[in-house]
């Protein structure tokens, strides 16, 4: 699972870089069209008349701001750092290992758990599984794309 997280993060990064290059070419070839797209996005946000013109001019006057604006709000892509793939790999791998081991603890360390007649080890295993899912749920809300926040 860690390998899948690593390769999918690498693929997302490649897509982002490819789209960045494409957007830079579009900005050079048809800057008026890109400025109009920026204007349309700002209009959707509720800016009108003077505010809309001022915001559009401010963003269009800075090529880096224009590129990041279009990547974020036109294409809805976020930048992915090069080292994020390794972090994603580590988070998913460790979650997989710990999530797989925790339910097995009663069967590995409790002598009665090895016999078929003891009903409590499976119950303890289910309890440990449920208690280990709470931190996993919290982490998944904290890092929705399976990686560590890059800020």
N, C-alpha and C. Protein backbone atom coordinates (compact mmCIF):
# COMPACT_ATOMS: atom_id res chain seq x y z
N UNK A 1 0.82 -1.19 0.00
CA UNK A 1 0.00 0.00 0.00
C UNK A 1 0.86 1.26 0.00
N UNK A 2 2.01 1.17 0.67
CA UNK A 2 2.92 2.29 0.67
C UNK A 2 3.45 2.59 -0.73
N UNK A 3 3.72 1.53 -1.49
CA UNK A 3 4.21 1.70 -2.86
C UNK A 3 3.16 2.37 -3.74
N UNK A 4 1.90 2.01 -3.52
CA UNK A 4 0.81 2.63 -4.29
C UNK A 4 0.71 4.11 -3.95
N UNK A 5 0.83 4.45 -2.67
CA UNK A 5 0.79 5.86 -2.26
C UNK A 5 1.96 6.63 -2.89
N UNK A 6 3.12 6.01 -2.90
CA UNK A 6 4.31 6.65 -3.48
C UNK A 6 4.12 6.90 -4.98
N UNK A 7 3.73 5.87 -5.71
CA UNK A 7 3.59 6.03 -7.16
C UNK A 7 2.44 6.96 -7.53
N UNK A 8 1.35 6.94 -6.78
CA UNK A 8 0.24 7.84 -7.11
C UNK A 8 0.62 9.29 -6.82
N UNK A 9 1.41 9.53 -5.77
CA UNK A 9 1.86 10.89 -5.49
C UNK A 9 2.82 11.37 -6.58
N UNK A 10 3.70 10.49 -7.03
CA UNK A 10 4.61 10.83 -8.14
C UNK A 10 3.79 11.16 -9.39
N UNK A 11 2.76 10.37 -9.67
CA UNK A 11 1.92 10.63 -10.84
C UNK A 11 1.18 11.97 -10.72
N UNK A 12 0.67 12.28 -9.52
CA UNK A 12 0.00 13.57 -9.31
C UNK A 12 0.98 14.72 -9.51
N UNK A 13 2.22 14.55 -9.05
CA UNK A 13 3.24 15.60 -9.23
C UNK A 13 3.56 15.80 -10.71
N UNK A 14 3.71 14.70 -11.43
CA UNK A 14 3.99 14.81 -12.88
C UNK A 14 2.85 15.51 -13.61
N UNK A 15 1.62 15.16 -13.23
CA UNK A 15 0.47 15.82 -13.85
C UNK A 15 0.48 17.31 -13.56
N UNK A 16 0.77 17.67 -12.32
CA UNK A 16 0.81 19.08 -11.95
C UNK A 16 1.88 19.82 -12.76
N UNK A 17 3.07 19.25 -12.87
CA UNK A 17 4.15 19.89 -13.62
C UNK A 17 3.81 20.00 -15.10
N UNK A 18 3.17 18.97 -15.65
CA UNK A 18 2.77 18.99 -17.06
C UNK A 18 1.72 20.09 -17.30
N UNK A 19 0.75 20.18 -16.40
CA UNK A 19 -0.29 21.20 -16.55
C UNK A 19 0.28 22.61 -16.33
N UNK A 20 1.29 22.73 -15.47
CA UNK A 20 1.94 24.03 -15.27
C UNK A 20 2.62 24.48 -16.55
N UNK A 21 3.34 23.58 -17.19
CA UNK A 21 4.00 23.91 -18.46
C UNK A 21 2.97 24.29 -19.52
N UNK A 22 1.88 23.54 -19.58
CA UNK A 22 0.83 23.83 -20.57
C UNK A 22 0.20 25.20 -20.30
N UNK A 23 -0.04 25.52 -19.03
CA UNK A 23 -0.65 26.80 -18.67
C UNK A 23 0.30 27.96 -19.00
N UNK A 24 1.62 27.76 -18.81
CA UNK A 24 2.59 28.80 -19.15
C UNK A 24 2.58 29.08 -20.65
N UNK A 25 2.48 28.02 -21.45
CA UNK A 25 2.41 28.20 -22.91
C UNK A 25 1.13 28.94 -23.28
N UNK A 26 0.01 28.58 -22.66
CA UNK A 26 -1.26 29.27 -22.93
C UNK A 26 -1.17 30.74 -22.55
N UNK A 27 -0.51 31.03 -21.46
CA UNK A 27 -0.38 32.43 -21.02
C UNK A 27 0.44 33.24 -22.02
N UNK A 28 1.43 32.62 -22.64
CA UNK A 28 2.26 33.33 -23.63
C UNK A 28 1.53 33.48 -24.96
N UNK A 29 0.83 32.43 -25.38
CA UNK A 29 0.18 32.45 -26.69
C UNK A 29 -1.09 33.30 -26.71
N UNK A 30 -1.92 33.14 -25.71
CA UNK A 30 -3.20 33.85 -25.71
C UNK A 30 -3.45 34.45 -24.33
N UNK A 31 -2.68 35.50 -24.04
CA UNK A 31 -2.79 36.11 -22.71
C UNK A 31 -4.15 36.77 -22.50
N UNK A 32 -4.75 37.31 -23.56
CA UNK A 32 -6.06 37.96 -23.41
C UNK A 32 -7.12 36.93 -23.00
N UNK A 33 -7.03 35.74 -23.56
CA UNK A 33 -7.99 34.69 -23.19
C UNK A 33 -7.80 34.26 -21.74
N UNK A 34 -6.54 34.17 -21.30
CA UNK A 34 -6.26 33.78 -19.92
C UNK A 34 -6.74 34.85 -18.94
N UNK A 35 -6.56 36.13 -19.32
CA UNK A 35 -7.04 37.23 -18.47
C UNK A 35 -8.56 37.18 -18.38
N UNK A 36 -9.22 36.86 -19.48
CA UNK A 36 -10.68 36.75 -19.47
C UNK A 36 -11.14 35.58 -18.60
N UNK A 37 -10.41 34.47 -18.63
CA UNK A 37 -10.74 33.34 -17.77
C UNK A 37 -10.58 33.72 -16.30
N UNK A 38 -9.52 34.47 -16.00
CA UNK A 38 -9.30 34.97 -14.64
C UNK A 38 -10.46 35.88 -14.22
N UNK A 39 -10.85 36.74 -15.12
CA UNK A 39 -11.96 37.67 -14.86
C UNK A 39 -13.25 36.89 -14.58
N UNK A 40 -13.50 35.84 -15.35
CA UNK A 40 -14.72 35.04 -15.16
C UNK A 40 -14.73 34.35 -13.79
N UNK A 41 -13.57 33.86 -13.37
CA UNK A 41 -13.49 33.22 -12.06
C UNK A 41 -13.79 34.22 -10.95
N UNK A 42 -13.20 35.41 -11.06
CA UNK A 42 -13.44 36.45 -10.06
C UNK A 42 -14.90 36.90 -10.07
N UNK A 43 -15.51 36.95 -11.25
CA UNK A 43 -16.92 37.32 -11.35
C UNK A 43 -17.81 36.27 -10.66
N UNK A 44 -17.43 35.01 -10.79
CA UNK A 44 -18.19 33.94 -10.11
C UNK A 44 -18.10 34.09 -8.59
N UNK A 45 -17.03 34.67 -8.11
CA UNK A 45 -16.85 34.87 -6.67
C UNK A 45 -17.65 36.07 -6.15
N UNK A 46 -18.21 36.85 -7.07
CA UNK A 46 -19.04 37.97 -6.66
C UNK A 46 -18.43 39.35 -6.84
N UNK A 47 -17.23 39.42 -7.40
CA UNK A 47 -16.64 40.72 -7.68
C UNK A 47 -17.34 41.32 -8.90
N UNK A 48 -17.56 42.66 -8.87
CA UNK A 48 -18.19 43.29 -10.02
C UNK A 48 -17.58 44.67 -10.26
N UNK A 49 -17.74 45.14 -11.46
CA UNK A 49 -17.33 46.47 -11.94
C UNK A 49 -15.89 46.81 -11.58
N UNK A 50 -15.71 47.86 -10.76
CA UNK A 50 -14.36 48.37 -10.47
C UNK A 50 -13.51 47.35 -9.73
N UNK A 51 -14.09 46.65 -8.77
CA UNK A 51 -13.35 45.62 -8.03
C UNK A 51 -12.86 44.53 -8.97
N UNK A 52 -13.72 44.11 -9.88
CA UNK A 52 -13.39 43.06 -10.82
C UNK A 52 -12.24 43.48 -11.72
N UNK A 53 -12.30 44.71 -12.25
CA UNK A 53 -11.22 45.22 -13.11
C UNK A 53 -9.91 45.34 -12.34
N UNK A 54 -9.98 45.86 -11.13
CA UNK A 54 -8.78 46.06 -10.32
C UNK A 54 -8.13 44.72 -9.97
N UNK A 55 -8.92 43.75 -9.52
CA UNK A 55 -8.40 42.43 -9.16
C UNK A 55 -7.80 41.74 -10.38
N UNK A 56 -8.49 41.80 -11.50
CA UNK A 56 -8.01 41.15 -12.72
C UNK A 56 -6.67 41.76 -13.16
N UNK A 57 -6.57 43.08 -13.12
CA UNK A 57 -5.33 43.75 -13.51
C UNK A 57 -4.19 43.40 -12.56
N UNK A 58 -4.47 43.35 -11.26
CA UNK A 58 -3.44 43.02 -10.28
C UNK A 58 -2.90 41.61 -10.51
N UNK A 59 -3.78 40.67 -10.71
CA UNK A 59 -3.35 39.28 -10.92
C UNK A 59 -2.63 39.14 -12.25
N UNK A 60 -3.17 39.75 -13.30
CA UNK A 60 -2.57 39.63 -14.64
C UNK A 60 -1.22 40.33 -14.73
N UNK A 61 -0.96 41.31 -13.88
CA UNK A 61 0.31 42.04 -13.95
C UNK A 61 1.48 41.23 -13.38
N UNK A 62 1.20 40.20 -12.63
CA UNK A 62 2.25 39.36 -12.05
C UNK A 62 2.13 37.95 -12.63
N UNK A 63 3.04 37.56 -13.54
CA UNK A 63 2.93 36.26 -14.20
C UNK A 63 2.90 35.07 -13.23
N UNK A 64 3.68 35.14 -12.16
CA UNK A 64 3.68 34.05 -11.19
C UNK A 64 2.32 33.95 -10.48
N UNK A 65 1.78 35.09 -10.10
CA UNK A 65 0.45 35.10 -9.45
C UNK A 65 -0.62 34.59 -10.41
N UNK A 66 -0.52 35.00 -11.66
CA UNK A 66 -1.48 34.56 -12.68
C UNK A 66 -1.40 33.04 -12.87
N UNK A 67 -0.18 32.52 -12.94
CA UNK A 67 0.00 31.08 -13.12
C UNK A 67 -0.57 30.31 -11.93
N UNK A 68 -0.22 30.72 -10.73
CA UNK A 68 -0.72 30.02 -9.54
C UNK A 68 -2.23 30.16 -9.40
N UNK A 69 -2.77 31.32 -9.75
CA UNK A 69 -4.22 31.53 -9.70
C UNK A 69 -4.93 30.58 -10.66
N UNK A 70 -4.42 30.50 -11.88
CA UNK A 70 -5.07 29.64 -12.87
C UNK A 70 -4.91 28.16 -12.52
N UNK A 71 -3.76 27.78 -11.98
CA UNK A 71 -3.57 26.38 -11.59
C UNK A 71 -4.53 26.01 -10.46
N UNK A 72 -4.70 26.91 -9.51
CA UNK A 72 -5.54 26.61 -8.35
C UNK A 72 -7.02 26.70 -8.65
N UNK A 73 -7.44 27.71 -9.38
CA UNK A 73 -8.87 27.96 -9.50
C UNK A 73 -9.47 27.60 -10.85
N UNK A 74 -8.67 27.56 -11.90
CA UNK A 74 -9.20 27.09 -13.19
C UNK A 74 -9.06 25.57 -13.28
N UNK A 75 -7.84 25.08 -13.02
CA UNK A 75 -7.58 23.64 -13.14
C UNK A 75 -7.80 22.87 -11.84
N UNK A 76 -7.91 23.60 -10.73
CA UNK A 76 -8.13 23.01 -9.41
C UNK A 76 -7.05 21.98 -9.05
N UNK A 77 -5.80 22.38 -9.28
CA UNK A 77 -4.66 21.54 -8.94
C UNK A 77 -3.80 22.24 -7.89
N UNK A 78 -3.29 21.48 -6.96
CA UNK A 78 -2.42 22.02 -5.92
C UNK A 78 -1.00 21.55 -6.17
N UNK A 79 -0.01 22.40 -5.84
CA UNK A 79 1.38 21.97 -6.03
C UNK A 79 1.73 20.81 -5.12
N UNK A 80 2.58 19.93 -5.62
CA UNK A 80 3.02 18.76 -4.86
C UNK A 80 4.54 18.80 -4.81
N UNK A 81 5.06 18.86 -3.60
CA UNK A 81 6.50 18.90 -3.41
C UNK A 81 7.12 17.56 -3.79
N UNK A 82 8.39 17.60 -4.17
CA UNK A 82 9.10 16.38 -4.58
C UNK A 82 9.18 15.36 -3.44
N UNK A 83 9.42 15.85 -2.21
CA UNK A 83 9.57 14.93 -1.08
C UNK A 83 8.25 14.44 -0.50
N UNK A 84 7.13 14.93 -1.01
CA UNK A 84 5.83 14.50 -0.50
C UNK A 84 5.56 13.03 -0.80
N UNK A 85 6.12 12.50 -1.87
CA UNK A 85 5.91 11.09 -2.22
C UNK A 85 6.49 10.18 -1.14
N UNK A 86 7.67 10.53 -0.64
CA UNK A 86 8.27 9.71 0.43
C UNK A 86 7.47 9.81 1.72
N UNK A 87 6.99 11.01 2.02
CA UNK A 87 6.17 11.17 3.23
C UNK A 87 4.87 10.38 3.11
N UNK A 88 4.25 10.43 1.95
CA UNK A 88 3.03 9.68 1.72
C UNK A 88 3.27 8.18 1.87
N UNK A 89 4.38 7.71 1.31
CA UNK A 89 4.78 6.31 1.44
C UNK A 89 4.90 5.92 2.91
N UNK A 90 5.60 6.74 3.69
CA UNK A 90 5.84 6.43 5.10
C UNK A 90 4.54 6.41 5.91
N UNK A 91 3.66 7.37 5.65
CA UNK A 91 2.40 7.43 6.39
C UNK A 91 1.53 6.22 6.08
N UNK A 92 1.39 5.90 4.81
CA UNK A 92 0.53 4.78 4.43
C UNK A 92 1.13 3.45 4.87
N UNK A 93 2.43 3.28 4.72
CA UNK A 93 3.08 2.03 5.13
C UNK A 93 2.96 1.83 6.63
N UNK A 94 3.26 2.86 7.40
CA UNK A 94 3.16 2.70 8.86
C UNK A 94 1.73 2.47 9.30
N UNK A 95 0.77 3.13 8.68
CA UNK A 95 -0.64 2.90 9.01
C UNK A 95 -1.04 1.47 8.68
N UNK A 96 -0.57 0.96 7.56
CA UNK A 96 -0.89 -0.41 7.16
C UNK A 96 -0.29 -1.41 8.14
N UNK A 97 0.96 -1.20 8.50
CA UNK A 97 1.62 -2.13 9.42
C UNK A 97 0.94 -2.12 10.78
N UNK A 98 0.77 -0.94 11.36
CA UNK A 98 0.16 -0.87 12.68
C UNK A 98 -1.30 -1.30 12.64
N UNK A 99 -2.01 -0.93 11.60
CA UNK A 99 -3.41 -1.34 11.48
C UNK A 99 -3.57 -2.83 11.31
N UNK A 100 -2.58 -3.50 10.78
CA UNK A 100 -2.64 -4.96 10.61
C UNK A 100 -2.18 -5.70 11.85
N UNK A 101 -1.24 -5.12 12.58
CA UNK A 101 -0.69 -5.80 13.76
C UNK A 101 -1.60 -5.67 14.97
N UNK A 102 -2.20 -4.53 15.19
CA UNK A 102 -2.99 -4.29 16.40
C UNK A 102 -4.07 -5.35 16.61
N UNK A 103 -4.86 -5.72 15.60
CA UNK A 103 -5.88 -6.75 15.84
C UNK A 103 -5.30 -8.13 16.15
N UNK A 104 -4.04 -8.37 15.82
CA UNK A 104 -3.44 -9.69 16.06
C UNK A 104 -2.78 -9.82 17.44
N UNK A 105 -2.66 -8.74 18.17
CA UNK A 105 -1.98 -8.77 19.47
C UNK A 105 -2.55 -9.84 20.41
N UNK A 106 -3.86 -9.94 20.57
CA UNK A 106 -4.37 -10.97 21.49
C UNK A 106 -3.97 -12.38 21.07
N UNK A 107 -3.89 -12.64 19.80
CA UNK A 107 -3.56 -13.98 19.32
C UNK A 107 -2.07 -14.30 19.43
N UNK A 108 -1.23 -13.25 19.49
CA UNK A 108 0.21 -13.46 19.56
C UNK A 108 0.75 -13.56 20.98
N UNK A 109 0.17 -12.79 21.90
CA UNK A 109 0.77 -12.68 23.23
C UNK A 109 -0.04 -13.28 24.37
N UNK A 110 -1.28 -13.62 24.15
CA UNK A 110 -2.10 -14.20 25.20
C UNK A 110 -2.15 -15.70 24.98
N UNK A 111 -1.66 -16.51 25.95
CA UNK A 111 -1.60 -17.97 25.75
C UNK A 111 -2.97 -18.59 25.48
N UNK A 112 -4.00 -18.13 26.16
CA UNK A 112 -5.33 -18.71 25.95
C UNK A 112 -5.88 -18.38 24.57
N UNK A 113 -5.34 -17.37 23.93
CA UNK A 113 -5.84 -16.98 22.63
C UNK A 113 -5.54 -18.02 21.56
N UNK A 114 -4.55 -18.85 21.83
CA UNK A 114 -4.18 -19.86 20.84
C UNK A 114 -5.14 -21.05 20.85
N UNK A 115 -5.90 -21.19 21.91
CA UNK A 115 -6.84 -22.31 21.97
C UNK A 115 -8.19 -21.89 21.38
N UNK A 116 -8.88 -22.83 20.85
CA UNK A 116 -10.18 -22.57 20.21
C UNK A 116 -11.28 -22.29 21.23
N UNK A 117 -11.07 -22.68 22.50
CA UNK A 117 -12.15 -22.60 23.48
C UNK A 117 -12.30 -21.22 24.11
N UNK A 118 -11.34 -20.34 23.97
CA UNK A 118 -11.42 -19.03 24.62
C UNK A 118 -12.14 -18.03 23.70
N UNK A 119 -13.33 -17.54 24.12
CA UNK A 119 -14.09 -16.62 23.26
C UNK A 119 -13.63 -15.18 23.34
N UNK A 120 -12.85 -14.81 24.37
CA UNK A 120 -12.53 -13.40 24.53
C UNK A 120 -11.44 -12.85 23.62
N UNK A 121 -10.47 -13.62 23.15
CA UNK A 121 -9.47 -13.01 22.25
C UNK A 121 -10.06 -12.40 20.97
N UNK A 122 -11.03 -13.07 20.32
CA UNK A 122 -11.62 -12.39 19.16
C UNK A 122 -12.33 -11.10 19.55
N UNK A 123 -12.98 -11.09 20.71
CA UNK A 123 -13.64 -9.87 21.17
C UNK A 123 -12.61 -8.78 21.44
N UNK A 124 -11.51 -9.16 22.07
CA UNK A 124 -10.44 -8.20 22.33
C UNK A 124 -9.84 -7.71 21.02
N UNK A 125 -9.72 -8.59 20.05
CA UNK A 125 -9.19 -8.21 18.74
C UNK A 125 -10.10 -7.19 18.07
N UNK A 126 -11.40 -7.41 18.13
CA UNK A 126 -12.35 -6.47 17.54
C UNK A 126 -12.27 -5.13 18.27
N UNK A 127 -12.16 -5.18 19.60
CA UNK A 127 -12.04 -3.94 20.37
C UNK A 127 -10.79 -3.16 20.02
N UNK A 128 -9.68 -3.86 19.89
CA UNK A 128 -8.44 -3.19 19.51
C UNK A 128 -8.53 -2.62 18.10
N UNK A 129 -9.20 -3.33 17.21
CA UNK A 129 -9.37 -2.84 15.84
C UNK A 129 -10.17 -1.54 15.83
N UNK A 130 -11.24 -1.53 16.60
CA UNK A 130 -12.08 -0.33 16.67
C UNK A 130 -11.32 0.84 17.29
N UNK A 131 -10.56 0.56 18.35
CA UNK A 131 -9.82 1.64 19.00
C UNK A 131 -8.68 2.15 18.11
N UNK A 132 -8.14 1.31 17.26
CA UNK A 132 -7.08 1.77 16.36
C UNK A 132 -7.64 2.51 15.16
N UNK A 133 -8.93 2.34 14.88
CA UNK A 133 -9.50 3.04 13.73
C UNK A 133 -9.77 4.50 14.03
N UNK A 134 -9.92 4.87 15.31
CA UNK A 134 -10.17 6.27 15.65
C UNK A 134 -9.01 7.17 15.23
N UNK A 135 -7.75 6.84 15.56
CA UNK A 135 -6.65 7.69 15.09
C UNK A 135 -6.54 7.70 13.56
N UNK A 136 -6.83 6.59 12.94
CA UNK A 136 -6.78 6.53 11.48
C UNK A 136 -7.81 7.47 10.87
N UNK A 137 -9.01 7.48 11.46
CA UNK A 137 -10.07 8.38 10.98
C UNK A 137 -9.62 9.83 11.16
N UNK A 138 -9.01 10.13 12.30
CA UNK A 138 -8.55 11.49 12.56
C UNK A 138 -7.46 11.90 11.56
N UNK A 139 -6.52 11.02 11.29
CA UNK A 139 -5.45 11.32 10.35
C UNK A 139 -6.01 11.50 8.94
N UNK A 140 -7.00 10.70 8.57
CA UNK A 140 -7.57 10.82 7.23
C UNK A 140 -8.29 12.15 7.06
N UNK A 141 -8.84 12.70 8.13
CA UNK A 141 -9.47 14.02 8.05
C UNK A 141 -8.40 15.10 7.99
N UNK A 142 -7.24 14.86 8.62
CA UNK A 142 -6.16 15.83 8.67
C UNK A 142 -5.41 15.89 7.35
N UNK A 143 -5.23 14.77 6.70
CA UNK A 143 -4.49 14.71 5.43
C UNK A 143 -5.32 13.98 4.40
N UNK A 144 -6.29 14.68 3.77
CA UNK A 144 -7.26 14.01 2.89
C UNK A 144 -6.69 13.31 1.67
N UNK A 145 -5.47 13.65 1.28
CA UNK A 145 -4.91 13.00 0.10
C UNK A 145 -3.92 11.92 0.47
N UNK A 146 -3.92 11.50 1.73
CA UNK A 146 -3.06 10.40 2.15
C UNK A 146 -1.63 10.82 2.42
N UNK A 147 -1.36 12.10 2.46
CA UNK A 147 -0.02 12.55 2.73
C UNK A 147 0.02 13.50 3.90
N UNK A 148 1.19 13.89 4.27
CA UNK A 148 1.37 14.82 5.36
C UNK A 148 1.26 16.23 4.79
N UNK A 149 0.61 17.10 5.52
CA UNK A 149 0.43 18.48 5.08
C UNK A 149 1.79 19.10 4.80
N UNK A 150 1.95 19.73 3.65
CA UNK A 150 3.26 20.21 3.21
C UNK A 150 3.60 21.60 3.73
N UNK A 151 2.76 22.20 4.55
CA UNK A 151 3.04 23.55 5.04
C UNK A 151 4.06 23.58 6.11
